[in-house]
Amino acid sequence: MKKDITYFEKPGEENTEETLKLAVQYAKANNIKTIVIGSARGVSALKLKDMAPDLEIIDVAYSPGVSYKETLAEFEKNKTKIEQAGIKIIQCTHAFSGIDKCIFKKYGTLTPNVLISETLKLISEGTKVAVECALMAVDTGALRQKQPILALGGTHQGVDTCLLVEPSSTSNFFDLGILEIICMPRYGGLVH
């Protein structure tokens, strides 16, 4: 089987429109009914729903308890619009964060979650975000395990990565399948 992958020259928000367009085209051509998107402010999720009103969109946003107060405030401003658009909202502890991230920050000790997170970032920051969002959506009951979906993530703001995924719960992490890469940025190493 041969398929095309779109590679962006650099990561970031400037790839959002093209990533959304590629996701919608792929979903329609391949009978994918659900797209999970990491959209902390809700802006990218709303753009995606405008482009594909017939698809189920799940927005994975920050948990209300995180320290990103400005982003949370922007999300709250958009929350009513997101709900009215029929977008499901997921807000829970990030699959690769929680206590493990706290231990890493305090003691500098690599924990399995941090190691998995940093390894996925070697492909792209958006890959890590897309996988994490798929896990969180299954954990909260918004998705079924192994239901083929598109998962979108990005670097800092916006989205720049789209994956075809068979998701799993965090407790079944190694059952998750990344089946195809639709688009992603090209860059080497970790971007911080």
N, C-alpha and C. Protein backbone atom coordinates (compact mmCIF):
# COMPACT_ATOMS: atom_id res chain seq x y z
N MET A 1 0.84 -1.18 0.00
CA MET A 1 0.00 0.00 0.00
C MET A 1 0.89 1.24 0.00
N LYS A 2 0.56 2.20 -0.84
CA LYS A 2 1.28 3.46 -0.86
C LYS A 2 0.31 4.57 -0.51
N LYS A 3 0.75 5.47 0.37
CA LYS A 3 -0.07 6.61 0.76
C LYS A 3 0.84 7.83 0.86
N ASP A 4 0.24 8.99 0.69
CA ASP A 4 0.99 10.24 0.81
C ASP A 4 0.99 10.73 2.25
N ILE A 5 2.10 11.33 2.63
CA ILE A 5 2.21 12.03 3.92
C ILE A 5 2.64 13.45 3.60
N THR A 6 1.99 14.41 4.23
CA THR A 6 2.39 15.81 4.08
C THR A 6 3.33 16.15 5.23
N TYR A 7 4.49 16.70 4.87
CA TYR A 7 5.46 17.15 5.88
C TYR A 7 5.55 18.67 5.83
N PHE A 8 5.42 19.29 6.98
CA PHE A 8 5.58 20.75 7.08
C PHE A 8 7.03 21.08 7.38
N GLU A 9 7.50 22.18 6.85
CA GLU A 9 8.90 22.59 7.04
C GLU A 9 9.27 22.81 8.51
N LYS A 10 8.32 23.35 9.27
CA LYS A 10 8.58 23.57 10.70
C LYS A 10 7.28 23.36 11.46
N PRO A 11 7.37 23.09 12.75
CA PRO A 11 6.17 22.87 13.54
C PRO A 11 5.48 24.18 13.89
N GLY A 12 4.21 24.08 14.28
CA GLY A 12 3.55 25.26 14.83
C GLY A 12 2.20 25.57 14.24
N GLU A 13 1.66 26.66 14.78
CA GLU A 13 0.30 27.11 14.51
C GLU A 13 0.04 27.44 13.04
N GLU A 14 1.09 27.84 12.32
CA GLU A 14 0.89 28.21 10.91
C GLU A 14 0.46 27.01 10.05
N ASN A 15 0.53 25.80 10.59
CA ASN A 15 0.11 24.60 9.86
C ASN A 15 -1.32 24.18 10.17
N THR A 16 -2.00 24.93 11.03
CA THR A 16 -3.34 24.53 11.49
C THR A 16 -4.33 24.36 10.35
N GLU A 17 -4.48 25.36 9.50
CA GLU A 17 -5.48 25.30 8.43
C GLU A 17 -5.25 24.10 7.53
N GLU A 18 -4.01 23.88 7.13
CA GLU A 18 -3.69 22.76 6.24
C GLU A 18 -3.91 21.41 6.94
N THR A 19 -3.55 21.33 8.22
CA THR A 19 -3.76 20.09 8.98
C THR A 19 -5.25 19.77 9.07
N LEU A 20 -6.06 20.77 9.38
CA LEU A 20 -7.51 20.56 9.46
C LEU A 20 -8.07 20.12 8.11
N LYS A 21 -7.63 20.78 7.06
CA LYS A 21 -8.10 20.43 5.71
C LYS A 21 -7.73 18.99 5.36
N LEU A 22 -6.49 18.60 5.63
CA LEU A 22 -6.04 17.24 5.36
C LEU A 22 -6.82 16.21 6.19
N ALA A 23 -7.11 16.55 7.43
CA ALA A 23 -7.86 15.64 8.30
C ALA A 23 -9.27 15.41 7.76
N VAL A 24 -9.94 16.50 7.37
CA VAL A 24 -11.30 16.39 6.85
C VAL A 24 -11.31 15.59 5.55
N GLN A 25 -10.37 15.87 4.66
CA GLN A 25 -10.29 15.13 3.40
C GLN A 25 -10.07 13.64 3.66
N TYR A 26 -9.15 13.32 4.58
CA TYR A 26 -8.85 11.93 4.88
C TYR A 26 -10.07 11.24 5.49
N ALA A 27 -10.70 11.91 6.44
CA ALA A 27 -11.87 11.32 7.10
C ALA A 27 -12.97 10.99 6.09
N LYS A 28 -13.26 11.92 5.21
CA LYS A 28 -14.32 11.70 4.22
C LYS A 28 -13.95 10.61 3.23
N ALA A 29 -12.70 10.56 2.80
CA ALA A 29 -12.26 9.56 1.82
C ALA A 29 -12.16 8.16 2.41
N ASN A 30 -12.02 8.07 3.74
CA ASN A 30 -11.78 6.78 4.38
C ASN A 30 -12.85 6.39 5.40
N ASN A 31 -14.01 7.05 5.34
CA ASN A 31 -15.15 6.73 6.19
C ASN A 31 -14.81 6.78 7.69
N ILE A 32 -14.00 7.75 8.07
CA ILE A 32 -13.70 7.98 9.49
C ILE A 32 -14.75 8.96 10.01
N LYS A 33 -15.40 8.61 11.10
CA LYS A 33 -16.53 9.40 11.61
C LYS A 33 -16.16 10.32 12.77
N THR A 34 -14.98 10.08 13.40
CA THR A 34 -14.62 10.80 14.62
C THR A 34 -13.21 11.35 14.54
N ILE A 35 -13.07 12.60 14.98
CA ILE A 35 -11.75 13.23 15.08
C ILE A 35 -11.59 13.75 16.50
N VAL A 36 -10.49 13.35 17.12
CA VAL A 36 -10.11 13.85 18.45
C VAL A 36 -9.04 14.92 18.21
N ILE A 37 -9.21 16.08 18.84
CA ILE A 37 -8.27 17.17 18.63
C ILE A 37 -7.86 17.77 19.97
N GLY A 38 -6.57 17.97 20.14
CA GLY A 38 -6.06 18.68 21.30
C GLY A 38 -6.20 20.17 21.03
N SER A 39 -7.18 20.80 21.64
CA SER A 39 -7.45 22.22 21.40
C SER A 39 -7.71 22.90 22.74
N ALA A 40 -6.64 23.36 23.36
CA ALA A 40 -6.71 23.89 24.72
C ALA A 40 -7.60 25.12 24.83
N ARG A 41 -7.59 25.96 23.80
CA ARG A 41 -8.43 27.16 23.80
C ARG A 41 -9.77 26.92 23.11
N GLY A 42 -9.86 25.80 22.37
CA GLY A 42 -11.08 25.47 21.65
C GLY A 42 -11.16 26.06 20.26
N VAL A 43 -10.21 26.90 19.89
CA VAL A 43 -10.26 27.61 18.61
C VAL A 43 -10.12 26.62 17.44
N SER A 44 -9.13 25.74 17.51
CA SER A 44 -8.93 24.77 16.42
C SER A 44 -10.10 23.80 16.33
N ALA A 45 -10.66 23.41 17.46
CA ALA A 45 -11.82 22.51 17.45
C ALA A 45 -13.00 23.17 16.74
N LEU A 46 -13.22 24.44 17.01
CA LEU A 46 -14.32 25.16 16.35
C LEU A 46 -14.08 25.28 14.85
N LYS A 47 -12.85 25.57 14.44
CA LYS A 47 -12.53 25.63 13.00
C LYS A 47 -12.78 24.29 12.34
N LEU A 48 -12.37 23.21 13.02
CA LEU A 48 -12.56 21.87 12.48
C LEU A 48 -14.05 21.56 12.31
N LYS A 49 -14.86 21.89 13.29
CA LYS A 49 -16.30 21.63 13.22
C LYS A 49 -16.94 22.43 12.08
N ASP A 50 -16.47 23.67 11.88
CA ASP A 50 -16.97 24.48 10.75
C ASP A 50 -16.67 23.80 9.41
N MET A 51 -15.49 23.18 9.32
CA MET A 51 -15.08 22.52 8.08
C MET A 51 -15.77 21.17 7.89
N ALA A 52 -16.17 20.53 8.99
CA ALA A 52 -16.75 19.18 8.91
C ALA A 52 -17.90 19.04 9.90
N PRO A 53 -19.02 19.73 9.63
CA PRO A 53 -20.13 19.69 10.58
C PRO A 53 -20.74 18.30 10.77
N ASP A 54 -20.54 17.42 9.82
CA ASP A 54 -21.12 16.08 9.89
C ASP A 54 -20.26 15.08 10.68
N LEU A 55 -19.04 15.45 11.03
CA LEU A 55 -18.16 14.55 11.77
C LEU A 55 -18.28 14.78 13.28
N GLU A 56 -18.07 13.71 14.04
CA GLU A 56 -18.02 13.85 15.50
C GLU A 56 -16.65 14.42 15.87
N ILE A 57 -16.65 15.53 16.56
CA ILE A 57 -15.41 16.18 17.00
C ILE A 57 -15.35 16.11 18.52
N ILE A 58 -14.21 15.66 19.03
CA ILE A 58 -13.97 15.61 20.47
C ILE A 58 -12.79 16.52 20.77
N ASP A 59 -13.03 17.53 21.57
CA ASP A 59 -11.98 18.49 21.95
C ASP A 59 -11.41 18.08 23.30
N VAL A 60 -10.12 17.76 23.32
CA VAL A 60 -9.44 17.46 24.57
C VAL A 60 -8.71 18.73 25.00
N ALA A 61 -9.21 19.32 26.08
CA ALA A 61 -8.67 20.59 26.59
C ALA A 61 -7.96 20.34 27.92
N TYR A 62 -7.38 21.38 28.46
CA TYR A 62 -6.70 21.26 29.75
C TYR A 62 -7.69 20.96 30.88
N SER A 63 -7.22 20.23 31.85
CA SER A 63 -7.98 20.03 33.09
C SER A 63 -8.11 21.39 33.78
N PRO A 64 -9.25 21.66 34.40
CA PRO A 64 -9.42 22.95 35.09
C PRO A 64 -8.39 23.21 36.19
N GLY A 65 -7.70 22.18 36.67
CA GLY A 65 -6.76 22.35 37.76
C GLY A 65 -5.33 22.68 37.34
N VAL A 66 -5.05 22.80 36.04
CA VAL A 66 -3.67 23.08 35.61
C VAL A 66 -3.32 24.55 35.85
N SER A 67 -2.06 24.85 35.71
CA SER A 67 -1.59 26.21 36.02
C SER A 67 -1.64 27.17 34.83
N TYR A 68 -2.16 26.75 33.70
CA TYR A 68 -2.23 27.61 32.52
C TYR A 68 -3.48 28.48 32.58
N LYS A 69 -3.49 29.44 33.48
CA LYS A 69 -4.70 30.23 33.76
C LYS A 69 -5.18 31.03 32.56
N GLU A 70 -4.27 31.61 31.80
CA GLU A 70 -4.65 32.41 30.64
C GLU A 70 -5.34 31.54 29.58
N THR A 71 -4.78 30.36 29.32
CA THR A 71 -5.37 29.44 28.35
C THR A 71 -6.72 28.95 28.84
N LEU A 72 -6.83 28.62 30.12
CA LEU A 72 -8.11 28.19 30.68
C LEU A 72 -9.17 29.28 30.55
N ALA A 73 -8.77 30.52 30.77
CA ALA A 73 -9.72 31.63 30.64
C ALA A 73 -10.20 31.77 29.20
N GLU A 74 -9.30 31.61 28.23
CA GLU A 74 -9.68 31.66 26.82
C GLU A 74 -10.64 30.52 26.49
N PHE A 75 -10.35 29.33 27.03
CA PHE A 75 -11.23 28.18 26.80
C PHE A 75 -12.62 28.46 27.36
N GLU A 76 -12.70 29.01 28.55
CA GLU A 76 -14.00 29.32 29.17
C GLU A 76 -14.79 30.29 28.32
N LYS A 77 -14.11 31.25 27.68
CA LYS A 77 -14.80 32.19 26.79
C LYS A 77 -15.40 31.48 25.58
N ASN A 78 -14.74 30.41 25.13
CA ASN A 78 -15.19 29.67 23.94
C ASN A 78 -16.08 28.48 24.27
N LYS A 79 -16.19 28.11 25.53
CA LYS A 79 -16.86 26.86 25.92
C LYS A 79 -18.30 26.78 25.44
N THR A 80 -19.06 27.84 25.58
CA THR A 80 -20.46 27.83 25.15
C THR A 80 -20.55 27.60 23.65
N LYS A 81 -19.70 28.28 22.87
CA LYS A 81 -19.68 28.09 21.41
C LYS A 81 -19.33 26.65 21.06
N ILE A 82 -18.38 26.08 21.77
CA ILE A 82 -17.95 24.70 21.53
C ILE A 82 -19.11 23.74 21.78
N GLU A 83 -19.77 23.92 22.89
CA GLU A 83 -20.90 23.05 23.24
C GLU A 83 -22.04 23.21 22.24
N GLN A 84 -22.35 24.47 21.86
CA GLN A 84 -23.43 24.72 20.92
C GLN A 84 -23.13 24.14 19.54
N ALA A 85 -21.85 24.01 19.22
CA ALA A 85 -21.46 23.42 17.93
C ALA A 85 -21.59 21.90 17.94
N GLY A 86 -21.86 21.33 19.11
CA GLY A 86 -22.00 19.89 19.21
C GLY A 86 -20.69 19.15 19.38
N ILE A 87 -19.67 19.86 19.82
CA ILE A 87 -18.36 19.27 20.05
C ILE A 87 -18.32 18.72 21.48
N LYS A 88 -17.90 17.46 21.62
CA LYS A 88 -17.71 16.89 22.96
C LYS A 88 -16.45 17.50 23.56
N ILE A 89 -16.49 17.78 24.84
CA ILE A 89 -15.34 18.35 25.55
C ILE A 89 -14.83 17.34 26.57
N ILE A 90 -13.53 17.12 26.55
CA ILE A 90 -12.86 16.28 27.54
C ILE A 90 -11.91 17.18 28.33
N GLN A 91 -12.05 17.21 29.64
CA GLN A 91 -11.13 17.93 30.52
C GLN A 91 -10.79 17.00 31.68
N CYS A 92 -9.60 16.46 31.65
CA CYS A 92 -9.15 15.57 32.72
C CYS A 92 -7.62 15.63 32.78
N THR A 93 -7.05 14.97 33.77
CA THR A 93 -5.59 14.92 33.88
C THR A 93 -5.01 14.32 32.61
N HIS A 94 -3.98 14.95 32.09
CA HIS A 94 -3.34 14.45 30.88
C HIS A 94 -2.74 13.07 31.11
N ALA A 95 -2.87 12.23 30.10
CA ALA A 95 -2.41 10.84 30.22
C ALA A 95 -0.92 10.74 30.54
N PHE A 96 -0.12 11.66 30.06
CA PHE A 96 1.32 11.60 30.31
C PHE A 96 1.79 12.57 31.39
N SER A 97 0.87 13.05 32.20
CA SER A 97 1.23 14.03 33.24
C SER A 97 0.90 13.49 34.62
N GLY A 98 0.12 14.27 35.35
CA GLY A 98 -0.28 13.85 36.69
C GLY A 98 0.89 13.74 37.65
N ILE A 99 0.85 12.74 38.48
CA ILE A 99 1.85 12.56 39.52
C ILE A 99 3.24 12.34 38.93
N ASP A 100 3.32 11.60 37.81
CA ASP A 100 4.62 11.36 37.19
C ASP A 100 5.33 12.67 36.83
N LYS A 101 4.58 13.61 36.27
CA LYS A 101 5.18 14.89 35.89
C LYS A 101 5.66 15.66 37.12
N CYS A 102 4.89 15.59 38.19
CA CYS A 102 5.26 16.23 39.44
C CYS A 102 6.57 15.65 39.98
N ILE A 103 6.69 14.33 39.96
CA ILE A 103 7.92 13.67 40.43
C ILE A 103 9.10 14.08 39.55
N PHE A 104 8.87 14.13 38.24
CA PHE A 104 9.94 14.53 37.31
C PHE A 104 10.41 15.96 37.60
N LYS A 105 9.46 16.89 37.79
CA LYS A 105 9.82 18.28 38.06
C LYS A 105 10.57 18.43 39.39
N LYS A 106 10.09 17.73 40.41
CA LYS A 106 10.66 17.89 41.74
C LYS A 106 12.02 17.18 41.89
N TYR A 107 12.11 15.95 41.35
CA TYR A 107 13.30 15.15 41.60
C TYR A 107 14.17 14.91 40.36
N GLY A 108 13.67 15.31 39.19
CA GLY A 108 14.44 15.09 37.97
C GLY A 108 14.55 13.63 37.59
N THR A 109 13.67 12.81 38.13
CA THR A 109 13.70 11.38 37.90
C THR A 109 12.76 11.03 36.75
N LEU A 110 13.28 10.32 35.77
CA LEU A 110 12.42 9.89 34.67
C LEU A 110 11.46 8.81 35.15
N THR A 111 10.21 9.02 34.87
CA THR A 111 9.18 8.04 35.18
C THR A 111 8.68 7.48 33.84
N PRO A 112 8.00 6.34 33.84
CA PRO A 112 7.54 5.78 32.56
C PRO A 112 6.71 6.74 31.72
N ASN A 113 5.77 7.47 32.33
CA ASN A 113 4.95 8.41 31.56
C ASN A 113 5.78 9.49 30.89
N VAL A 114 6.73 10.05 31.63
CA VAL A 114 7.57 11.10 31.06
C VAL A 114 8.45 10.53 29.95
N LEU A 115 8.98 9.35 30.14
CA LEU A 115 9.82 8.71 29.13
C LEU A 115 9.02 8.44 27.85
N ILE A 116 7.80 7.92 27.98
CA ILE A 116 6.96 7.68 26.81
C ILE A 116 6.63 9.00 26.11
N SER A 117 6.27 10.00 26.89
CA SER A 117 5.95 11.32 26.34
C SER A 117 7.13 11.90 25.55
N GLU A 118 8.30 11.90 26.15
CA GLU A 118 9.48 12.46 25.49
C GLU A 118 9.87 11.65 24.26
N THR A 119 9.66 10.35 24.28
CA THR A 119 9.97 9.51 23.13
C THR A 119 9.02 9.83 21.97
N LEU A 120 7.73 9.99 22.24
CA LEU A 120 6.79 10.36 21.19
C LEU A 120 7.13 11.73 20.60
N LYS A 121 7.65 12.63 21.42
CA LYS A 121 8.04 13.96 20.93
C LYS A 121 9.19 13.88 19.94
N LEU A 122 9.95 12.80 19.93
CA LEU A 122 11.02 12.63 18.94
C LEU A 122 10.44 12.54 17.53
N ILE A 123 9.20 12.06 17.42
CA ILE A 123 8.52 12.04 16.12
C ILE A 123 8.00 13.45 15.85
N SER A 124 7.20 13.96 16.79
CA SER A 124 6.77 15.36 16.76
C SER A 124 6.01 15.62 18.06
N GLU A 125 6.02 16.87 18.48
CA GLU A 125 5.24 17.26 19.66
C GLU A 125 3.76 16.93 19.43
N GLY A 126 3.31 17.16 18.21
CA GLY A 126 1.93 16.86 17.86
C GLY A 126 1.59 15.38 17.96
N THR A 127 2.57 14.51 17.69
CA THR A 127 2.34 13.07 17.83
C THR A 127 2.06 12.74 19.28
N LYS A 128 2.86 13.29 20.17
CA LYS A 128 2.65 13.07 21.61
C LYS A 128 1.26 13.55 22.02
N VAL A 129 0.88 14.75 21.57
CA VAL A 129 -0.42 15.33 21.94
C VAL A 129 -1.55 14.50 21.36
N ALA A 130 -1.44 14.09 20.10
CA ALA A 130 -2.50 13.31 19.46
C ALA A 130 -2.71 11.97 20.17
N VAL A 131 -1.62 11.28 20.48
CA VAL A 131 -1.72 10.00 21.19
C VAL A 131 -2.33 10.21 22.57
N GLU A 132 -1.86 11.23 23.28
CA GLU A 132 -2.37 11.51 24.62
C GLU A 132 -3.87 11.82 24.59
N CYS A 133 -4.29 12.60 23.62
CA CYS A 133 -5.72 12.94 23.51
C CYS A 133 -6.57 11.71 23.23
N ALA A 134 -6.08 10.81 22.39
CA ALA A 134 -6.81 9.58 22.10
C ALA A 134 -6.96 8.73 23.37
N LEU A 135 -5.88 8.63 24.14
CA LEU A 135 -5.94 7.88 25.40
C LEU A 135 -6.96 8.49 26.36
N MET A 136 -6.93 9.80 26.50
CA MET A 136 -7.83 10.49 27.41
C MET A 136 -9.29 10.34 26.99
N ALA A 137 -9.54 10.36 25.68
CA ALA A 137 -10.90 10.21 25.19
C ALA A 137 -11.45 8.81 25.50
N VAL A 138 -10.60 7.80 25.40
CA VAL A 138 -11.05 6.44 25.76
C VAL A 138 -11.24 6.34 27.27
N ASP A 139 -10.29 6.89 28.04
CA ASP A 139 -10.39 6.82 29.50
C ASP A 139 -11.68 7.44 30.02
N THR A 140 -12.15 8.49 29.38
CA THR A 140 -13.36 9.18 29.84
C THR A 140 -14.65 8.63 29.22
N GLY A 141 -14.51 7.63 28.37
CA GLY A 141 -15.69 7.01 27.76
C GLY A 141 -16.20 7.69 26.50
N ALA A 142 -15.49 8.69 25.99
CA ALA A 142 -15.92 9.38 24.78
C ALA A 142 -15.66 8.55 23.52
N LEU A 143 -14.73 7.61 23.60
CA LEU A 143 -14.39 6.72 22.48
C LEU A 143 -14.34 5.28 22.97
N ARG A 144 -14.52 4.37 22.01
CA ARG A 144 -14.29 2.95 22.28
C ARG A 144 -12.86 2.59 21.91
N GLN A 145 -12.29 1.62 22.59
CA GLN A 145 -10.96 1.13 22.23
C GLN A 145 -11.03 0.53 20.82
N LYS A 146 -9.96 0.74 20.08
CA LYS A 146 -9.77 0.17 18.73
C LYS A 146 -10.72 0.73 17.69
N GLN A 147 -11.51 1.74 18.01
CA GLN A 147 -12.37 2.42 17.04
C GLN A 147 -11.47 3.33 16.21
N PRO A 148 -11.30 3.08 14.90
CA PRO A 148 -10.40 3.93 14.11
C PRO A 148 -10.88 5.38 14.10
N ILE A 149 -9.98 6.27 14.44
CA ILE A 149 -10.27 7.70 14.51
C ILE A 149 -9.08 8.48 13.96
N LEU A 150 -9.28 9.75 13.72
CA LEU A 150 -8.15 10.65 13.47
C LEU A 150 -7.85 11.36 14.78
N ALA A 151 -6.58 11.50 15.09
CA ALA A 151 -6.15 12.22 16.29
C ALA A 151 -5.22 13.35 15.85
N LEU A 152 -5.55 14.57 16.28
CA LEU A 152 -4.79 15.76 15.90
C LEU A 152 -4.14 16.39 17.11
N GLY A 153 -2.90 16.79 16.95
CA GLY A 153 -2.17 17.49 18.00
C GLY A 153 -1.25 18.53 17.38
N GLY A 154 -0.66 19.32 18.25
CA GLY A 154 0.21 20.37 17.73
C GLY A 154 1.35 20.72 18.63
N THR A 155 2.09 21.72 18.20
CA THR A 155 3.25 22.22 18.92
C THR A 155 2.91 23.61 19.43
N HIS A 156 2.80 23.75 20.73
CA HIS A 156 2.45 25.01 21.40
C HIS A 156 1.00 25.39 21.14
N GLN A 157 0.67 26.04 20.01
CA GLN A 157 -0.71 26.39 19.70
C GLN A 157 -1.05 25.85 18.32
N GLY A 158 -2.35 25.68 18.07
CA GLY A 158 -2.77 25.15 16.78
C GLY A 158 -2.43 23.68 16.66
N VAL A 159 -2.65 23.12 15.47
CA VAL A 159 -2.33 21.71 15.21
C VAL A 159 -1.42 21.60 14.00
N ASP A 160 -0.54 20.60 14.04
CA ASP A 160 0.38 20.37 12.93
C ASP A 160 0.60 18.88 12.66
N THR A 161 -0.15 18.03 13.34
CA THR A 161 0.01 16.58 13.20
C THR A 161 -1.36 15.92 13.14
N CYS A 162 -1.53 15.00 12.20
CA CYS A 162 -2.76 14.22 12.09
C CYS A 162 -2.39 12.76 11.91
N LEU A 163 -2.94 11.91 12.76
CA LEU A 163 -2.65 10.48 12.75
C LEU A 163 -3.94 9.68 12.64
N LEU A 164 -3.89 8.56 11.93
CA LEU A 164 -4.96 7.57 11.99
C LEU A 164 -4.59 6.63 13.13
N VAL A 165 -5.48 6.53 14.11
CA VAL A 165 -5.16 5.81 15.35
C VAL A 165 -6.27 4.83 15.69
N GLU A 166 -5.88 3.69 16.23
CA GLU A 166 -6.81 2.82 16.95
C GLU A 166 -6.49 3.04 18.42
N PRO A 167 -7.33 3.80 19.12
CA PRO A 167 -6.99 4.20 20.49
C PRO A 167 -7.19 3.08 21.51
N SER A 168 -6.61 3.31 22.66
CA SER A 168 -6.80 2.42 23.80
C SER A 168 -6.93 3.29 25.05
N SER A 169 -7.21 2.63 26.15
CA SER A 169 -7.19 3.34 27.43
C SER A 169 -5.74 3.41 27.91
N THR A 170 -5.49 4.25 28.89
CA THR A 170 -4.12 4.33 29.42
C THR A 170 -3.70 3.01 30.05
N SER A 171 -4.64 2.30 30.67
CA SER A 171 -4.29 1.02 31.30
C SER A 171 -3.99 -0.07 30.27
N ASN A 172 -4.36 0.17 29.01
CA ASN A 172 -4.03 -0.74 27.91
C ASN A 172 -3.19 -0.02 26.85
N PHE A 173 -2.29 0.87 27.30
CA PHE A 173 -1.53 1.73 26.40
C PHE A 173 -0.90 0.98 25.23
N PHE A 174 -0.35 -0.17 25.46
CA PHE A 174 0.37 -0.88 24.40
C PHE A 174 -0.56 -1.52 23.37
N ASP A 175 -1.88 -1.39 23.56
CA ASP A 175 -2.83 -1.81 22.54
C ASP A 175 -3.10 -0.70 21.53
N LEU A 176 -2.69 0.53 21.84
CA LEU A 176 -2.91 1.66 20.94
C LEU A 176 -2.13 1.44 19.65
N GLY A 177 -2.75 1.75 18.53
CA GLY A 177 -2.06 1.61 17.25
C GLY A 177 -2.03 2.91 16.50
N ILE A 178 -0.85 3.33 16.07
CA ILE A 178 -0.72 4.46 15.14
C ILE A 178 -0.63 3.81 13.77
N LEU A 179 -1.71 3.88 13.01
CA LEU A 179 -1.80 3.16 11.74
C LEU A 179 -1.23 3.95 10.57
N GLU A 180 -1.45 5.26 10.58
CA GLU A 180 -0.96 6.09 9.47
C GLU A 180 -0.66 7.49 9.98
N ILE A 181 0.29 8.12 9.32
CA ILE A 181 0.58 9.54 9.54
C ILE A 181 0.05 10.28 8.32
N ILE A 182 -0.87 11.19 8.55
CA ILE A 182 -1.44 11.97 7.46
C ILE A 182 -0.58 13.22 7.23
N CYS A 183 -0.19 13.88 8.32
CA CYS A 183 0.72 15.02 8.20
C CYS A 183 1.45 15.23 9.53
N MET A 184 2.61 15.85 9.42
CA MET A 184 3.41 16.19 10.60
C MET A 184 4.53 17.13 10.17
N PRO A 185 5.10 17.85 11.13
CA PRO A 185 6.24 18.71 10.80
C PRO A 185 7.53 17.90 10.73
N ARG A 186 8.47 18.37 9.92
CA ARG A 186 9.80 17.77 9.86
C ARG A 186 10.73 18.58 10.75
N TYR A 187 11.31 17.95 11.71
CA TYR A 187 12.36 18.57 12.51
C TYR A 187 13.00 17.50 13.36
N GLY A 188 14.22 17.74 13.75
CA GLY A 188 14.95 16.75 14.51
C GLY A 188 15.05 17.15 15.97
N GLY A 189 14.95 16.18 16.84
CA GLY A 189 15.13 16.42 18.26
C GLY A 189 13.90 17.00 18.92
N LEU A 190 14.05 17.24 20.22
CA LEU A 190 12.94 17.76 20.99
C LEU A 190 12.87 19.27 20.89
N VAL A 191 11.65 19.78 20.70
CA VAL A 191 11.42 21.23 20.63
C VAL A 191 10.88 21.67 21.97
N HIS A 192 11.56 22.60 22.62
CA HIS A 192 11.09 23.09 23.93
C HIS A 192 10.94 24.60 23.90
